[in-house]
């Protein structure tokens, strides 16, 4: 579960990053080679989509650089707005 957006001054970025990191860590510990994530906290939790996408992509990239045993990480998007935000985040240099 990701954080509920409360304006950004309540540790939301670190909590969201931690949700991805810990999920990836647990997946690796259990031998998972493929994992899919929804756009965590971007729906009813109100996290700004662009910021959430940047955090998600950054955490996944960082993890894959240090743990290349994961074969596939899928970031799923609901709707064009979320997809566009994730495409922008993926297009940014690491």
PDB file of N, CA and C in Angstrom:
ATOM      1  N   UNK A   1       0.851  -1.178   0.000  1.00  0.00           N
ATOM      2  CA  UNK A   1       0.000   0.000   0.000  1.00  0.00           C
ATOM      3  C   UNK A   1       0.889   1.232   0.000  1.00  0.00           C
ATOM      4  N   UNK A   2       0.573   2.175  -0.859  1.00  0.00           N
ATOM      5  CA  UNK A   2       1.324   3.415  -0.921  1.00  0.00           C
ATOM      6  C   UNK A   2       0.710   4.472  -0.020  1.00  0.00           C
ATOM      7  N   UNK A   3       1.380   5.602   0.076  1.00  0.00           N
ATOM      8  CA  UNK A   3       0.905   6.668   0.949  1.00  0.00           C
ATOM      9  C   UNK A   3      -0.257   7.459   0.351  1.00  0.00           C
ATOM     10  N   UNK A   4      -1.051   8.018   1.217  1.00  0.00           N
ATOM     11  CA  UNK A   4      -2.081   8.967   0.816  1.00  0.00           C
ATOM     12  C   UNK A   4      -1.390  10.322   0.693  1.00  0.00           C
ATOM     13  N   UNK A   5      -1.634  11.012  -0.399  1.00  0.00           N
ATOM     14  CA  UNK A   5      -1.042  12.327  -0.622  1.00  0.00           C
ATOM     15  C   UNK A   5      -1.681  13.327   0.343  1.00  0.00           C
ATOM     16  N   UNK A   6      -0.829  13.974   1.129  1.00  0.00           N
ATOM     17  CA  UNK A   6      -1.295  14.999   2.070  1.00  0.00           C
ATOM     18  C   UNK A   6      -0.512  16.291   1.871  1.00  0.00           C
ATOM     19  N   UNK A   7      -0.181  16.575   0.617  1.00  0.00           N
ATOM     20  CA  UNK A   7       0.506  17.810   0.316  1.00  0.00           C
ATOM     21  C   UNK A   7       1.999  17.683   0.101  1.00  0.00           C
ATOM     22  N   UNK A   8       2.557  16.534   0.402  1.00  0.00           N
ATOM     23  CA  UNK A   8       3.972  16.293   0.152  1.00  0.00           C
ATOM     24  C   UNK A   8       4.910  16.581   1.299  1.00  0.00           C
ATOM     25  N   UNK A   9       4.406  17.080   2.385  1.00  0.00           N
ATOM     26  CA  UNK A   9       5.277  17.421   3.510  1.00  0.00           C
ATOM     27  C   UNK A   9       5.185  16.427   4.670  1.00  0.00           C
ATOM     28  N   UNK A  10       4.605  15.278   4.393  1.00  0.00           N
ATOM     29  CA  UNK A  10       4.459  14.253   5.425  1.00  0.00           C
ATOM     30  C   UNK A  10       5.225  12.977   5.076  1.00  0.00           C
ATOM     31  N   UNK A  11       6.318  13.135   4.352  1.00  0.00           N
ATOM     32  CA  UNK A  11       7.150  11.994   4.004  1.00  0.00           C
ATOM     33  C   UNK A  11       6.625  11.135   2.876  1.00  0.00           C
ATOM     34  N   UNK A  12       5.673  11.649   2.124  1.00  0.00           N
ATOM     35  CA  UNK A  12       5.063  10.857   1.063  1.00  0.00           C
ATOM     36  C   UNK A  12       6.057  10.340   0.030  1.00  0.00           C
ATOM     37  N   UNK A  13       7.008  11.158  -0.453  1.00  0.00           N
ATOM     38  CA  UNK A  13       7.947  10.630  -1.450  1.00  0.00           C
ATOM     39  C   UNK A  13       8.753   9.433  -0.935  1.00  0.00           C
ATOM     40  N   UNK A  14       9.258   9.520   0.280  1.00  0.00           N
ATOM     41  CA  UNK A  14      10.028   8.404   0.824  1.00  0.00           C
ATOM     42  C   UNK A  14       9.141   7.180   1.058  1.00  0.00           C
ATOM     43  N   UNK A  15       7.923   7.393   1.505  1.00  0.00           N
ATOM     44  CA  UNK A  15       7.011   6.267   1.715  1.00  0.00           C
ATOM     45  C   UNK A  15       6.687   5.569   0.398  1.00  0.00           C
ATOM     46  N   UNK A  16       6.465   6.349  -0.645  1.00  0.00           N
ATOM     47  CA  UNK A  16       6.163   5.743  -1.942  1.00  0.00           C
ATOM     48  C   UNK A  16       7.379   5.001  -2.473  1.00  0.00           C
ATOM     49  N   UNK A  17       8.549   5.604  -2.384  1.00  0.00           N
ATOM     50  CA  UNK A  17       9.772   4.936  -2.827  1.00  0.00           C
ATOM     51  C   UNK A  17       9.972   3.636  -2.056  1.00  0.00           C
ATOM     52  N   UNK A  18       9.720   3.680  -0.774  1.00  0.00           N
ATOM     53  CA  UNK A  18       9.874   2.490   0.068  1.00  0.00           C
ATOM     54  C   UNK A  18       8.904   1.382  -0.337  1.00  0.00           C
ATOM     55  N   UNK A  19       7.705   1.744  -0.755  1.00  0.00           N
ATOM     56  CA  UNK A  19       6.737   0.730  -1.196  1.00  0.00           C
ATOM     57  C   UNK A  19       7.291  -0.058  -2.375  1.00  0.00           C
ATOM     58  N   UNK A  20       7.897   0.642  -3.319  1.00  0.00           N
ATOM     59  CA  UNK A  20       8.498  -0.043  -4.470  1.00  0.00           C
ATOM     60  C   UNK A  20       9.726  -0.847  -4.046  1.00  0.00           C
ATOM     61  N   UNK A  21      10.629  -0.227  -3.281  1.00  0.00           N
ATOM     62  CA  UNK A  21      11.865  -0.912  -2.863  1.00  0.00           C
ATOM     63  C   UNK A  21      11.574  -2.188  -2.087  1.00  0.00           C
ATOM     64  N   UNK A  22      10.675  -2.092  -1.124  1.00  0.00           N
ATOM     65  CA  UNK A  22      10.385  -3.259  -0.289  1.00  0.00           C
ATOM     66  C   UNK A  22       9.673  -4.348  -1.067  1.00  0.00           C
ATOM     67  N   UNK A  23       8.796  -3.968  -1.978  1.00  0.00           N
ATOM     68  CA  UNK A  23       8.123  -4.966  -2.816  1.00  0.00           C
ATOM     69  C   UNK A  23       9.132  -5.692  -3.691  1.00  0.00           C
ATOM     70  N   UNK A  24      10.049  -4.947  -4.282  1.00  0.00           N
ATOM     71  CA  UNK A  24      11.085  -5.559  -5.117  1.00  0.00           C
ATOM     72  C   UNK A  24      12.017  -6.439  -4.284  1.00  0.00           C
ATOM     73  N   UNK A  25      12.360  -5.969  -3.104  1.00  0.00           N
ATOM     74  CA  UNK A  25      13.233  -6.757  -2.217  1.00  0.00           C
ATOM     75  C   UNK A  25      12.552  -8.073  -1.836  1.00  0.00           C
ATOM     76  N   UNK A  26      11.289  -8.008  -1.465  1.00  0.00           N
ATOM     77  CA  UNK A  26      10.559  -9.227  -1.105  1.00  0.00           C
ATOM     78  C   UNK A  26      10.400 -10.160  -2.299  1.00  0.00           C
ATOM     79  N   UNK A  27      10.138  -9.599  -3.456  1.00  0.00           N
ATOM     80  CA  UNK A  27      10.012 -10.428  -4.655  1.00  0.00           C
ATOM     81  C   UNK A  27      11.305 -11.182  -4.909  1.00  0.00           C
ATOM     82  N   UNK A  28      12.418 -10.482  -4.829  1.00  0.00           N
ATOM     83  CA  UNK A  28      13.714 -11.124  -5.054  1.00  0.00           C
ATOM     84  C   UNK A  28      13.979 -12.204  -4.001  1.00  0.00           C
ATOM     85  N   UNK A  29      13.657 -11.918  -2.760  1.00  0.00           N
ATOM     86  CA  UNK A  29      13.876 -12.879  -1.679  1.00  0.00           C
ATOM     87  C   UNK A  29      13.079 -14.163  -1.889  1.00  0.00           C
ATOM     88  N   UNK A  30      11.978 -14.056  -2.601  1.00  0.00           N
ATOM     89  CA  UNK A  30      11.125 -15.223  -2.854  1.00  0.00           C
ATOM     90  C   UNK A  30      11.317 -15.806  -4.250  1.00  0.00           C
ATOM     91  N   UNK A  31      12.352 -15.363  -4.938  1.00  0.00           N
ATOM     92  CA  UNK A  31      12.673 -15.940  -6.234  1.00  0.00           C
ATOM     93  C   UNK A  31      11.793 -15.476  -7.385  1.00  0.00           C
ATOM     94  N   UNK A  32      11.074 -14.408  -7.179  1.00  0.00           N
ATOM     95  CA  UNK A  32      10.224 -13.879  -8.242  1.00  0.00           C
ATOM     96  C   UNK A  32      11.102 -13.242  -9.312  1.00  0.00           C
ATOM     97  N   UNK A  33      10.816 -13.533 -10.565  1.00  0.00           N
ATOM     98  CA  UNK A  33      11.611 -12.979 -11.657  1.00  0.00           C
ATOM     99  C   UNK A  33      10.829 -11.960 -12.487  1.00  0.00           C
ATOM    100  N   UNK A  34       9.512 -11.950 -12.332  1.00  0.00           N
ATOM    101  CA  UNK A  34       8.657 -10.985 -13.009  1.00  0.00           C
ATOM    102  C   UNK A  34       7.670 -10.432 -11.994  1.00  0.00           C
ATOM    103  N   UNK A  35       7.509  -9.109 -12.010  1.00  0.00           N
ATOM    104  CA  UNK A  35       6.567  -8.473 -11.091  1.00  0.00           C
ATOM    105  C   UNK A  35       5.879  -7.327 -11.814  1.00  0.00           C
ATOM    106  N   UNK A  36       4.642  -7.082 -11.469  1.00  0.00           N
ATOM    107  CA  UNK A  36       3.890  -5.966 -12.048  1.00  0.00           C
ATOM    108  C   UNK A  36       3.413  -5.057 -10.922  1.00  0.00           C
ATOM    109  N   UNK A  37       3.490  -3.770 -11.177  1.00  0.00           N
ATOM    110  CA  UNK A  37       3.028  -2.776 -10.221  1.00  0.00           C
ATOM    111  C   UNK A  37       1.935  -1.927 -10.855  1.00  0.00           C
ATOM    112  N   UNK A  38       0.894  -1.611 -10.097  1.00  0.00           N
ATOM    113  CA  UNK A  38      -0.023  -0.576 -10.556  1.00  0.00           C
ATOM    114  C   UNK A  38       0.648   0.774 -10.307  1.00  0.00           C
ATOM    115  N   UNK A  39       0.037   1.837 -10.710  1.00  0.00           N
ATOM    116  CA  UNK A  39       0.548   3.177 -10.410  1.00  0.00           C
ATOM    117  C   UNK A  39       0.192   3.458  -8.944  1.00  0.00           C
ATOM    118  N   UNK A  40       1.052   3.000  -8.051  1.00  0.00           N
ATOM    119  CA  UNK A  40       0.763   3.039  -6.611  1.00  0.00           C
ATOM    120  C   UNK A  40       0.458   4.464  -6.152  1.00  0.00           C
ATOM    121  N   UNK A  41      -0.631   4.602  -5.437  1.00  0.00           N
ATOM    122  CA  UNK A  41      -1.107   5.839  -4.808  1.00  0.00           C
ATOM    123  C   UNK A  41      -1.663   6.872  -5.774  1.00  0.00           C
ATOM    124  N   UNK A  42      -1.724   6.567  -7.068  1.00  0.00           N
ATOM    125  CA  UNK A  42      -2.163   7.560  -8.057  1.00  0.00           C
ATOM    126  C   UNK A  42      -3.673   7.652  -8.218  1.00  0.00           C
ATOM    127  N   UNK A  43      -4.401   6.750  -7.657  1.00  0.00           N
ATOM    128  CA  UNK A  43      -5.852   6.776  -7.791  1.00  0.00           C
ATOM    129  C   UNK A  43      -6.489   7.564  -6.662  1.00  0.00           C
ATOM    130  N   UNK A  44      -7.270   6.902  -5.864  1.00  0.00           N
ATOM    131  CA  UNK A  44      -7.993   7.574  -4.784  1.00  0.00           C
ATOM    132  C   UNK A  44      -7.058   8.146  -3.718  1.00  0.00           C
ATOM    133  N   UNK A  45      -5.800   7.689  -3.669  1.00  0.00           N
ATOM    134  CA  UNK A  45      -4.860   8.234  -2.679  1.00  0.00           C
ATOM    135  C   UNK A  45      -4.328   9.594  -3.097  1.00  0.00           C
ATOM    136  N   UNK A  46      -4.593  10.016  -4.324  1.00  0.00           N
ATOM    137  CA  UNK A  46      -4.355  11.380  -4.750  1.00  0.00           C
ATOM    138  C   UNK A  46      -2.937  11.820  -4.996  1.00  0.00           C
ATOM    139  N   UNK A  47      -1.994  10.870  -5.099  1.00  0.00           N
ATOM    140  CA  UNK A  47      -0.602  11.260  -5.325  1.00  0.00           C
ATOM    141  C   UNK A  47      -0.482  11.898  -6.705  1.00  0.00           C
ATOM    142  N   UNK A  48       0.221  13.009  -6.840  1.00  0.00           N
ATOM    143  CA  UNK A  48       0.412  13.606  -8.167  1.00  0.00           C
ATOM    144  C   UNK A  48       1.083  12.615  -9.113  1.00  0.00           C
ATOM    145  N   UNK A  49       0.457  12.371 -10.227  1.00  0.00           N
ATOM    146  CA  UNK A  49       0.870  11.292 -11.117  1.00  0.00           C
ATOM    147  C   UNK A  49       2.296  11.460 -11.631  1.00  0.00           C
ATOM    148  N   UNK A  50       2.676  12.649 -12.038  1.00  0.00           N
ATOM    149  CA  UNK A  50       4.028  12.857 -12.545  1.00  0.00           C
ATOM    150  C   UNK A  50       5.092  12.552 -11.513  1.00  0.00           C
ATOM    151  N   UNK A  51       4.866  12.995 -10.291  1.00  0.00           N
ATOM    152  CA  UNK A  51       5.828  12.727  -9.213  1.00  0.00           C
ATOM    153  C   UNK A  51       5.876  11.237  -8.889  1.00  0.00           C
ATOM    154  N   UNK A  52       4.711  10.613  -8.827  1.00  0.00           N
ATOM    155  CA  UNK A  52       4.659   9.182  -8.527  1.00  0.00           C
ATOM    156  C   UNK A  52       5.351   8.365  -9.614  1.00  0.00           C
ATOM    157  N   UNK A  53       5.152   8.746 -10.867  1.00  0.00           N
ATOM    158  CA  UNK A  53       5.788   8.028 -11.973  1.00  0.00           C
ATOM    159  C   UNK A  53       7.306   8.157 -11.893  1.00  0.00           C
ATOM    160  N   UNK A  54       7.798   9.337 -11.592  1.00  0.00           N
ATOM    161  CA  UNK A  54       9.244   9.536 -11.465  1.00  0.00           C
ATOM    162  C   UNK A  54       9.824   8.686 -10.347  1.00  0.00           C
ATOM    163  N   UNK A  55       9.132   8.619  -9.238  1.00  0.00           N
ATOM    164  CA  UNK A  55       9.601   7.800  -8.114  1.00  0.00           C
ATOM    165  C   UNK A  55       9.587   6.330  -8.503  1.00  0.00           C
ATOM    166  N   UNK A  56       8.498   5.865  -9.104  1.00  0.00           N
ATOM    167  CA  UNK A  56       8.390   4.457  -9.491  1.00  0.00           C
ATOM    168  C   UNK A  56       9.500   4.066 -10.454  1.00  0.00           C
ATOM    169  N   UNK A  57       9.679   4.838 -11.496  1.00  0.00           N
ATOM    170  CA  UNK A  57      10.695   4.526 -12.502  1.00  0.00           C
ATOM    171  C   UNK A  57      12.086   4.595 -11.880  1.00  0.00           C
ATOM    172  N   UNK A  58      12.327   5.585 -11.056  1.00  0.00           N
ATOM    173  CA  UNK A  58      13.635   5.715 -10.412  1.00  0.00           C
ATOM    174  C   UNK A  58      13.958   4.541  -9.504  1.00  0.00           C
ATOM    175  N   UNK A  59      12.992   4.112  -8.722  1.00  0.00           N
ATOM    176  CA  UNK A  59      13.226   2.984  -7.815  1.00  0.00           C
ATOM    177  C   UNK A  59      13.432   1.680  -8.583  1.00  0.00           C
ATOM    178  N   UNK A  60      12.654   1.477  -9.634  1.00  0.00           N
ATOM    179  CA  UNK A  60      12.807   0.258 -10.436  1.00  0.00           C
ATOM    180  C   UNK A  60      14.170   0.263 -11.128  1.00  0.00           C
ATOM    181  N   UNK A  61      14.546   1.383 -11.710  1.00  0.00           N
ATOM    182  CA  UNK A  61      15.862   1.465 -12.365  1.00  0.00           C
ATOM    183  C   UNK A  61      16.985   1.177 -11.379  1.00  0.00           C
ATOM    184  N   UNK A  62      16.917   1.802 -10.237  1.00  0.00           N
ATOM    185  CA  UNK A  62      17.960   1.612  -9.218  1.00  0.00           C
ATOM    186  C   UNK A  62      18.045   0.151  -8.797  1.00  0.00           C
ATOM    187  N   UNK A  63      16.905  -0.456  -8.582  1.00  0.00           N
ATOM    188  CA  UNK A  63      16.884  -1.863  -8.176  1.00  0.00           C
ATOM    189  C   UNK A  63      17.488  -2.749  -9.256  1.00  0.00           C
ATOM    190  N   UNK A  64      17.080  -2.537 -10.503  1.00  0.00           N
ATOM    191  CA  UNK A  64      17.568  -3.392 -11.590  1.00  0.00           C
ATOM    192  C   UNK A  64      19.067  -3.226 -11.823  1.00  0.00           C
ATOM    193  N   UNK A  65      19.601  -2.063 -11.522  1.00  0.00           N
ATOM    194  CA  UNK A  65      21.049  -1.863 -11.650  1.00  0.00           C
ATOM    195  C   UNK A  65      21.810  -2.658 -10.604  1.00  0.00           C
ATOM    196  N   UNK A  66      21.235  -2.772  -9.417  1.00  0.00           N
ATOM    197  CA  UNK A  66      21.940  -3.487  -8.350  1.00  0.00           C
ATOM    198  C   UNK A  66      21.557  -4.964  -8.263  1.00  0.00           C
ATOM    199  N   UNK A  67      20.409  -5.334  -8.796  1.00  0.00           N
ATOM    200  CA  UNK A  67      19.915  -6.714  -8.726  1.00  0.00           C
ATOM    201  C   UNK A  67      19.416  -7.162 -10.102  1.00  0.00           C
ATOM    202  N   UNK A  68      20.317  -7.462 -11.013  1.00  0.00           N
ATOM    203  CA  UNK A  68      19.891  -7.792 -12.381  1.00  0.00           C
ATOM    204  C   UNK A  68      19.207  -9.153 -12.537  1.00  0.00           C
ATOM    205  N   UNK A  69      18.998  -9.885 -11.437  1.00  0.00           N
ATOM    206  CA  UNK A  69      18.336 -11.189 -11.554  1.00  0.00           C
ATOM    207  C   UNK A  69      16.852 -11.061 -11.888  1.00  0.00           C
ATOM    208  N   UNK A  70      16.263  -9.913 -11.618  1.00  0.00           N
ATOM    209  CA  UNK A  70      14.860  -9.702 -11.958  1.00  0.00           C
ATOM    210  C   UNK A  70      14.770  -9.581 -13.473  1.00  0.00           C
ATOM    211  N   UNK A  71      13.961 -10.415 -14.090  1.00  0.00           N
ATOM    212  CA  UNK A  71      13.874 -10.440 -15.547  1.00  0.00           C
ATOM    213  C   UNK A  71      12.940  -9.381 -16.111  1.00  0.00           C
ATOM    214  N   UNK A  72      11.855  -9.099 -15.411  1.00  0.00           N
ATOM    215  CA  UNK A  72      10.876  -8.166 -15.959  1.00  0.00           C
ATOM    216  C   UNK A  72      10.129  -7.466 -14.835  1.00  0.00           C
ATOM    217  N   UNK A  73      10.042  -6.152 -14.957  1.00  0.00           N
ATOM    218  CA  UNK A  73       9.204  -5.343 -14.069  1.00  0.00           C
ATOM    219  C   UNK A  73       8.225  -4.601 -14.965  1.00  0.00           C
ATOM    220  N   UNK A  74       6.955  -4.807 -14.702  1.00  0.00           N
ATOM    221  CA  UNK A  74       5.901  -4.199 -15.504  1.00  0.00           C
ATOM    222  C   UNK A  74       5.246  -3.099 -14.674  1.00  0.00           C
ATOM    223  N   UNK A  75       5.190  -1.904 -15.237  1.00  0.00           N
ATOM    224  CA  UNK A  75       4.499  -0.787 -14.602  1.00  0.00           C
ATOM    225  C   UNK A  75       3.194  -0.593 -15.346  1.00  0.00           C
ATOM    226  N   UNK A  76       2.090  -0.923 -14.701  1.00  0.00           N
ATOM    227  CA  UNK A  76       0.791  -0.841 -15.357  1.00  0.00           C
ATOM    228  C   UNK A  76       0.182   0.541 -15.140  1.00  0.00           C
ATOM    229  N   UNK A  77      -0.562   0.993 -16.118  1.00  0.00           N
ATOM    230  CA  UNK A  77      -1.144   2.330 -16.070  1.00  0.00           C
ATOM    231  C   UNK A  77      -2.635   2.256 -16.366  1.00  0.00           C
ATOM    232  N   UNK A  78      -3.389   3.069 -15.660  1.00  0.00           N
ATOM    233  CA  UNK A  78      -4.813   3.153 -15.935  1.00  0.00           C
ATOM    234  C   UNK A  78      -5.094   4.535 -16.516  1.00  0.00           C
ATOM    235  N   UNK A  79      -5.438   4.553 -17.758  1.00  0.00           N
ATOM    236  CA  UNK A  79      -5.775   5.810 -18.416  1.00  0.00           C
ATOM    237  C   UNK A  79      -4.594   6.483 -19.089  1.00  0.00           C
ATOM    238  N   UNK A  80      -4.919   7.332 -20.037  1.00  0.00           N
ATOM    239  CA  UNK A  80      -3.902   8.004 -20.845  1.00  0.00           C
ATOM    240  C   UNK A  80      -3.042   8.955 -20.020  1.00  0.00           C
ATOM    241  N   UNK A  81      -3.616   9.639 -19.049  1.00  0.00           N
ATOM    242  CA  UNK A  81      -2.855  10.588 -18.223  1.00  0.00           C
ATOM    243  C   UNK A  81      -1.747   9.885 -17.471  1.00  0.00           C
ATOM    244  N   UNK A  82      -2.063   8.756 -16.888  1.00  0.00           N
ATOM    245  CA  UNK A  82      -1.057   7.997 -16.143  1.00  0.00           C
ATOM    246  C   UNK A  82      -0.019   7.426 -17.105  1.00  0.00           C
ATOM    247  N   UNK A  83      -0.462   6.894 -18.227  1.00  0.00           N
ATOM    248  CA  UNK A  83       0.472   6.367 -19.215  1.00  0.00           C
ATOM    249  C   UNK A  83       1.431   7.460 -19.689  1.00  0.00           C
ATOM    250  N   UNK A  84       0.915   8.622 -19.987  1.00  0.00           N
ATOM    251  CA  UNK A  84       1.767   9.726 -20.444  1.00  0.00           C
ATOM    252  C   UNK A  84       2.807  10.100 -19.387  1.00  0.00           C
ATOM    253  N   UNK A  85       2.407  10.129 -18.134  1.00  0.00           N
ATOM    254  CA  UNK A  85       3.343  10.457 -17.049  1.00  0.00           C
ATOM    255  C   UNK A  85       4.445   9.408 -16.951  1.00  0.00           C
ATOM    256  N   UNK A  86       4.089   8.149 -17.069  1.00  0.00           N
ATOM    257  CA  UNK A  86       5.088   7.084 -16.993  1.00  0.00           C
ATOM    258  C   UNK A  86       6.011   7.113 -18.212  1.00  0.00           C
ATOM    259  N   UNK A  87       5.473   7.400 -19.378  1.00  0.00           N
ATOM    260  CA  UNK A  87       6.327   7.504 -20.571  1.00  0.00           C
ATOM    261  C   UNK A  87       7.322   8.646 -20.427  1.00  0.00           C
ATOM    262  N   UNK A  88       6.895   9.770 -19.864  1.00  0.00           N
ATOM    263  CA  UNK A  88       7.824  10.886 -19.612  1.00  0.00           C
ATOM    264  C   UNK A  88       8.901  10.478 -18.610  1.00  0.00           C
ATOM    265  N   UNK A  89       8.506   9.772 -17.566  1.00  0.00           N
ATOM    266  CA  UNK A  89       9.469   9.346 -16.548  1.00  0.00           C
ATOM    267  C   UNK A  89      10.489   8.370 -17.139  1.00  0.00           C
ATOM    268  N   UNK A  90      10.043   7.446 -17.966  1.00  0.00           N
ATOM    269  CA  UNK A  90      10.945   6.471 -18.578  1.00  0.00           C
ATOM    270  C   UNK A  90      11.901   7.175 -19.541  1.00  0.00           C
ATOM    271  N   UNK A  91      11.439   8.218 -20.203  1.00  0.00           N
ATOM    272  CA  UNK A  91      12.267   8.940 -21.166  1.00  0.00           C
ATOM    273  C   UNK A  91      13.359   9.784 -20.506  1.00  0.00           C
ATOM    274  N   UNK A  92      13.225  10.062 -19.200  1.00  0.00           N
ATOM    275  CA  UNK A  92      14.234  10.850 -18.498  1.00  0.00           C
ATOM    276  C   UNK A  92      15.496  10.029 -18.292  1.00  0.00           C
ATOM    277  N   UNK A  93      16.667  10.668 -18.402  1.00  0.00           N
ATOM    278  CA  UNK A  93      17.905   9.923 -18.166  1.00  0.00           C
ATOM    279  C   UNK A  93      17.974   9.405 -16.731  1.00  0.00           C
ATOM    280  N   UNK A  94      18.644   8.284 -16.595  1.00  0.00           N
ATOM    281  CA  UNK A  94      18.769   7.659 -15.257  1.00  0.00           C
ATOM    282  C   UNK A  94      19.639   8.473 -14.341  1.00  0.00           C
TER     283      UNK A  94
END
